[in-house]
Amino acid sequence: KVGKIAGCLVTEGTIKKGKKIRLLRDNVVVHSGDLETLKRHTEEAKEVNQGMECGISIKDYNDIQENDIIECFNIESTPRKLEEKPNQ
């Protein structure tokens, strides 16, 4: 039903449900997309902290292999600002 679930260890930071992810294989981005499920001990989790193990499945992607690295990131949008230059 769910597809492929990767058993993972969070080595740095926090992984949060609903965030964007990048899958790296040999330091090359293989896939970029959405985190579909995040599980901790067979139960759904909202976030998993550094040093903890979890299960991750990626939306519309099943080619997860051993030693792949999954990075979790946020996309933030900041409005542009006009700045006046001082007279020279």
N, C-alpha and C. Protein backbone atom coordinates (compact mmCIF):
# COMPACT_ATOMS: atom_id res chain seq x y z
N LYS A 1 0.82 -1.21 0.00
CA LYS A 1 0.00 0.00 0.00
C LYS A 1 0.85 1.26 0.00
N VAL A 2 1.79 1.33 0.93
CA VAL A 2 2.55 2.56 1.15
C VAL A 2 3.67 2.74 0.14
N GLY A 3 4.27 1.65 -0.36
CA GLY A 3 5.43 1.75 -1.21
C GLY A 3 6.66 1.42 -0.40
N LYS A 4 7.80 1.93 -0.82
CA LYS A 4 9.05 1.63 -0.14
C LYS A 4 9.27 2.59 1.01
N ILE A 5 9.61 2.03 2.17
CA ILE A 5 9.91 2.86 3.34
C ILE A 5 11.38 2.67 3.68
N ALA A 6 12.09 3.79 3.82
CA ALA A 6 13.51 3.75 4.15
C ALA A 6 13.68 3.82 5.66
N GLY A 7 14.47 2.91 6.20
CA GLY A 7 14.85 2.98 7.61
C GLY A 7 15.99 3.98 7.72
N CYS A 8 15.81 5.02 8.51
CA CYS A 8 16.77 6.12 8.54
C CYS A 8 17.23 6.44 9.96
N LEU A 9 18.39 7.06 10.04
CA LEU A 9 18.92 7.61 11.28
C LEU A 9 19.14 9.09 11.04
N VAL A 10 18.54 9.94 11.88
CA VAL A 10 18.69 11.39 11.74
C VAL A 10 20.05 11.77 12.31
N THR A 11 20.96 12.21 11.44
CA THR A 11 22.33 12.51 11.87
C THR A 11 22.52 13.97 12.25
N GLU A 12 21.62 14.83 11.75
CA GLU A 12 21.79 16.26 12.02
C GLU A 12 20.43 16.96 11.93
N GLY A 13 20.10 17.79 12.90
CA GLY A 13 18.87 18.58 12.86
C GLY A 13 17.63 17.77 13.18
N THR A 14 16.52 18.16 12.53
CA THR A 14 15.21 17.55 12.76
C THR A 14 14.51 17.34 11.43
N ILE A 15 13.81 16.22 11.30
CA ILE A 15 12.98 15.97 10.12
C ILE A 15 11.54 16.19 10.54
N LYS A 16 10.82 17.03 9.79
CA LYS A 16 9.42 17.33 10.11
C LYS A 16 8.52 16.88 8.97
N LYS A 17 7.36 16.38 9.34
CA LYS A 17 6.37 15.92 8.37
C LYS A 17 5.87 17.10 7.53
N GLY A 18 5.66 16.86 6.25
CA GLY A 18 5.12 17.89 5.37
C GLY A 18 6.18 18.79 4.74
N LYS A 19 7.45 18.51 4.97
CA LYS A 19 8.53 19.33 4.42
C LYS A 19 9.01 18.75 3.09
N LYS A 20 9.78 19.53 2.37
CA LYS A 20 10.40 19.09 1.12
C LYS A 20 11.66 18.28 1.43
N ILE A 21 11.99 17.35 0.54
CA ILE A 21 13.20 16.54 0.73
C ILE A 21 13.98 16.45 -0.58
N ARG A 22 15.27 16.16 -0.40
CA ARG A 22 16.19 15.89 -1.51
C ARG A 22 16.84 14.55 -1.23
N LEU A 23 16.91 13.69 -2.25
CA LEU A 23 17.57 12.39 -2.11
C LEU A 23 18.90 12.46 -2.84
N LEU A 24 20.00 12.24 -2.09
CA LEU A 24 21.33 12.28 -2.68
C LEU A 24 21.93 10.89 -2.73
N ARG A 25 22.52 10.57 -3.87
CA ARG A 25 23.24 9.30 -4.04
C ARG A 25 24.61 9.65 -4.60
N ASP A 26 25.66 9.32 -3.87
CA ASP A 26 27.03 9.67 -4.24
C ASP A 26 27.18 11.18 -4.44
N ASN A 27 26.58 11.95 -3.53
CA ASN A 27 26.62 13.43 -3.52
C ASN A 27 26.00 14.08 -4.75
N VAL A 28 25.10 13.37 -5.44
CA VAL A 28 24.37 13.91 -6.58
C VAL A 28 22.88 13.83 -6.25
N VAL A 29 22.16 14.93 -6.48
CA VAL A 29 20.71 14.94 -6.21
C VAL A 29 20.02 14.06 -7.24
N VAL A 30 19.40 12.97 -6.77
CA VAL A 30 18.72 12.02 -7.63
C VAL A 30 17.24 12.36 -7.74
N HIS A 31 16.67 12.87 -6.65
CA HIS A 31 15.24 13.19 -6.63
C HIS A 31 14.99 14.32 -5.64
N SER A 32 14.05 15.17 -5.97
CA SER A 32 13.61 16.22 -5.07
C SER A 32 12.09 16.19 -5.05
N GLY A 33 11.51 16.17 -3.86
CA GLY A 33 10.06 16.06 -3.79
C GLY A 33 9.54 16.26 -2.38
N ASP A 34 8.43 15.55 -2.08
CA ASP A 34 7.76 15.72 -0.80
C ASP A 34 7.91 14.47 0.07
N LEU A 35 7.99 14.71 1.36
CA LEU A 35 8.02 13.63 2.35
C LEU A 35 6.58 13.14 2.50
N GLU A 36 6.35 11.84 2.24
CA GLU A 36 4.98 11.33 2.31
C GLU A 36 4.63 10.84 3.71
N THR A 37 5.43 9.93 4.26
CA THR A 37 5.16 9.45 5.61
C THR A 37 6.43 9.50 6.46
N LEU A 38 6.22 9.77 7.73
CA LEU A 38 7.30 9.81 8.71
C LEU A 38 6.83 8.98 9.90
N LYS A 39 7.52 7.88 10.16
CA LYS A 39 7.08 6.97 11.23
C LYS A 39 8.18 6.77 12.25
N ARG A 40 7.75 6.57 13.46
CA ARG A 40 8.65 6.27 14.59
C ARG A 40 8.02 5.11 15.34
N HIS A 41 8.65 3.95 15.35
CA HIS A 41 8.10 2.73 16.00
C HIS A 41 6.70 2.40 15.48
N THR A 42 6.52 2.33 14.20
CA THR A 42 5.26 2.00 13.50
C THR A 42 4.13 3.01 13.71
N GLU A 43 4.38 4.10 14.40
CA GLU A 43 3.36 5.14 14.58
C GLU A 43 3.76 6.39 13.82
N GLU A 44 2.76 7.09 13.31
CA GLU A 44 3.03 8.35 12.60
C GLU A 44 3.67 9.35 13.55
N ALA A 45 4.64 10.10 13.05
CA ALA A 45 5.32 11.11 13.86
C ALA A 45 5.27 12.46 13.15
N LYS A 46 5.20 13.53 13.93
CA LYS A 46 5.22 14.88 13.35
C LYS A 46 6.64 15.35 13.10
N GLU A 47 7.56 14.93 13.97
CA GLU A 47 8.98 15.26 13.78
C GLU A 47 9.85 14.22 14.48
N VAL A 48 11.07 14.08 13.97
CA VAL A 48 12.05 13.16 14.55
C VAL A 48 13.34 13.94 14.71
N ASN A 49 13.92 13.88 15.91
CA ASN A 49 15.10 14.67 16.23
C ASN A 49 16.40 13.91 15.97
N GLN A 50 17.49 14.66 16.02
CA GLN A 50 18.83 14.13 15.81
C GLN A 50 19.12 12.95 16.73
N GLY A 51 19.75 11.89 16.16
CA GLY A 51 20.13 10.72 16.92
C GLY A 51 19.05 9.65 17.01
N MET A 52 17.86 9.92 16.46
CA MET A 52 16.76 8.96 16.53
C MET A 52 16.57 8.27 15.18
N GLU A 53 16.00 7.07 15.22
CA GLU A 53 15.71 6.32 14.01
C GLU A 53 14.26 6.54 13.61
N CYS A 54 14.00 6.45 12.29
CA CYS A 54 12.63 6.63 11.79
C CYS A 54 12.47 5.91 10.46
N GLY A 55 11.24 5.86 9.99
CA GLY A 55 10.92 5.32 8.68
C GLY A 55 10.38 6.43 7.81
N ILE A 56 10.88 6.53 6.59
CA ILE A 56 10.48 7.61 5.68
C ILE A 56 10.06 7.02 4.35
N SER A 57 8.95 7.52 3.81
CA SER A 57 8.61 7.21 2.42
C SER A 57 8.47 8.53 1.66
N ILE A 58 8.88 8.49 0.41
CA ILE A 58 8.90 9.69 -0.44
C ILE A 58 7.75 9.61 -1.43
N LYS A 59 7.03 10.69 -1.57
CA LYS A 59 5.87 10.73 -2.46
C LYS A 59 6.31 10.53 -3.92
N ASP A 60 5.68 9.58 -4.61
CA ASP A 60 5.91 9.28 -6.02
C ASP A 60 7.35 8.87 -6.33
N TYR A 61 8.04 8.22 -5.38
CA TYR A 61 9.41 7.77 -5.63
C TYR A 61 9.68 6.52 -4.78
N ASN A 62 10.19 5.46 -5.42
CA ASN A 62 10.43 4.21 -4.70
C ASN A 62 11.85 3.67 -4.83
N ASP A 63 12.71 4.33 -5.58
CA ASP A 63 14.06 3.82 -5.82
C ASP A 63 15.04 4.28 -4.74
N ILE A 64 14.76 3.91 -3.48
CA ILE A 64 15.63 4.27 -2.37
C ILE A 64 16.62 3.13 -2.16
N GLN A 65 17.91 3.46 -2.04
CA GLN A 65 18.93 2.44 -1.87
C GLN A 65 19.73 2.68 -0.60
N GLU A 66 20.47 1.65 -0.19
CA GLU A 66 21.31 1.76 1.00
C GLU A 66 22.37 2.84 0.77
N ASN A 67 22.67 3.60 1.82
CA ASN A 67 23.65 4.70 1.82
C ASN A 67 23.19 5.95 1.09
N ASP A 68 21.92 6.02 0.67
CA ASP A 68 21.37 7.28 0.14
C ASP A 68 21.25 8.26 1.30
N ILE A 69 21.35 9.53 1.00
CA ILE A 69 21.20 10.57 2.01
C ILE A 69 19.94 11.35 1.69
N ILE A 70 19.10 11.53 2.70
CA ILE A 70 17.87 12.30 2.53
C ILE A 70 18.01 13.60 3.31
N GLU A 71 17.89 14.72 2.60
CA GLU A 71 17.95 16.04 3.24
C GLU A 71 16.55 16.61 3.28
N CYS A 72 16.19 17.19 4.40
CA CYS A 72 14.89 17.82 4.59
C CYS A 72 15.11 19.33 4.62
N PHE A 73 14.27 20.08 3.89
CA PHE A 73 14.46 21.53 3.85
C PHE A 73 13.14 22.27 3.75
N ASN A 74 13.20 23.56 4.04
CA ASN A 74 12.07 24.48 3.96
C ASN A 74 12.26 25.41 2.78
N ILE A 75 11.19 25.80 2.15
CA ILE A 75 11.25 26.86 1.14
C ILE A 75 10.56 28.07 1.74
N GLU A 76 11.32 29.14 1.89
CA GLU A 76 10.78 30.37 2.46
C GLU A 76 10.72 31.44 1.38
N SER A 77 9.69 32.24 1.42
CA SER A 77 9.59 33.32 0.47
C SER A 77 9.65 34.64 1.23
N THR A 78 10.54 35.51 0.80
CA THR A 78 10.67 36.82 1.44
C THR A 78 10.43 37.89 0.39
N PRO A 79 9.61 38.87 0.71
CA PRO A 79 9.32 39.92 -0.28
C PRO A 79 10.56 40.79 -0.53
N ARG A 80 10.66 41.26 -1.75
CA ARG A 80 11.76 42.14 -2.11
C ARG A 80 11.56 43.51 -1.48
N LYS A 81 12.67 44.19 -1.23
CA LYS A 81 12.60 45.53 -0.68
C LYS A 81 13.42 46.47 -1.56
N LEU A 82 12.90 47.64 -1.79
CA LEU A 82 13.64 48.65 -2.53
C LEU A 82 14.45 49.47 -1.55
N GLU A 83 15.70 49.65 -1.88
CA GLU A 83 16.57 50.46 -1.03
C GLU A 83 17.04 51.66 -1.82
N GLU A 84 17.07 52.79 -1.14
CA GLU A 84 17.55 54.01 -1.79
C GLU A 84 19.06 54.10 -1.62
N LYS A 85 19.73 54.48 -2.72
CA LYS A 85 21.17 54.67 -2.64
C LYS A 85 21.45 56.10 -2.21
N PRO A 86 22.44 56.29 -1.37
CA PRO A 86 22.79 57.65 -0.95
C PRO A 86 23.37 58.43 -2.15
N ASN A 87 23.11 59.72 -2.18
CA ASN A 87 23.64 60.56 -3.28
C ASN A 87 25.16 60.59 -3.21
N GLN A 88 25.76 60.44 -4.38
CA GLN A 88 27.23 60.47 -4.42
C GLN A 88 27.72 61.66 -5.17
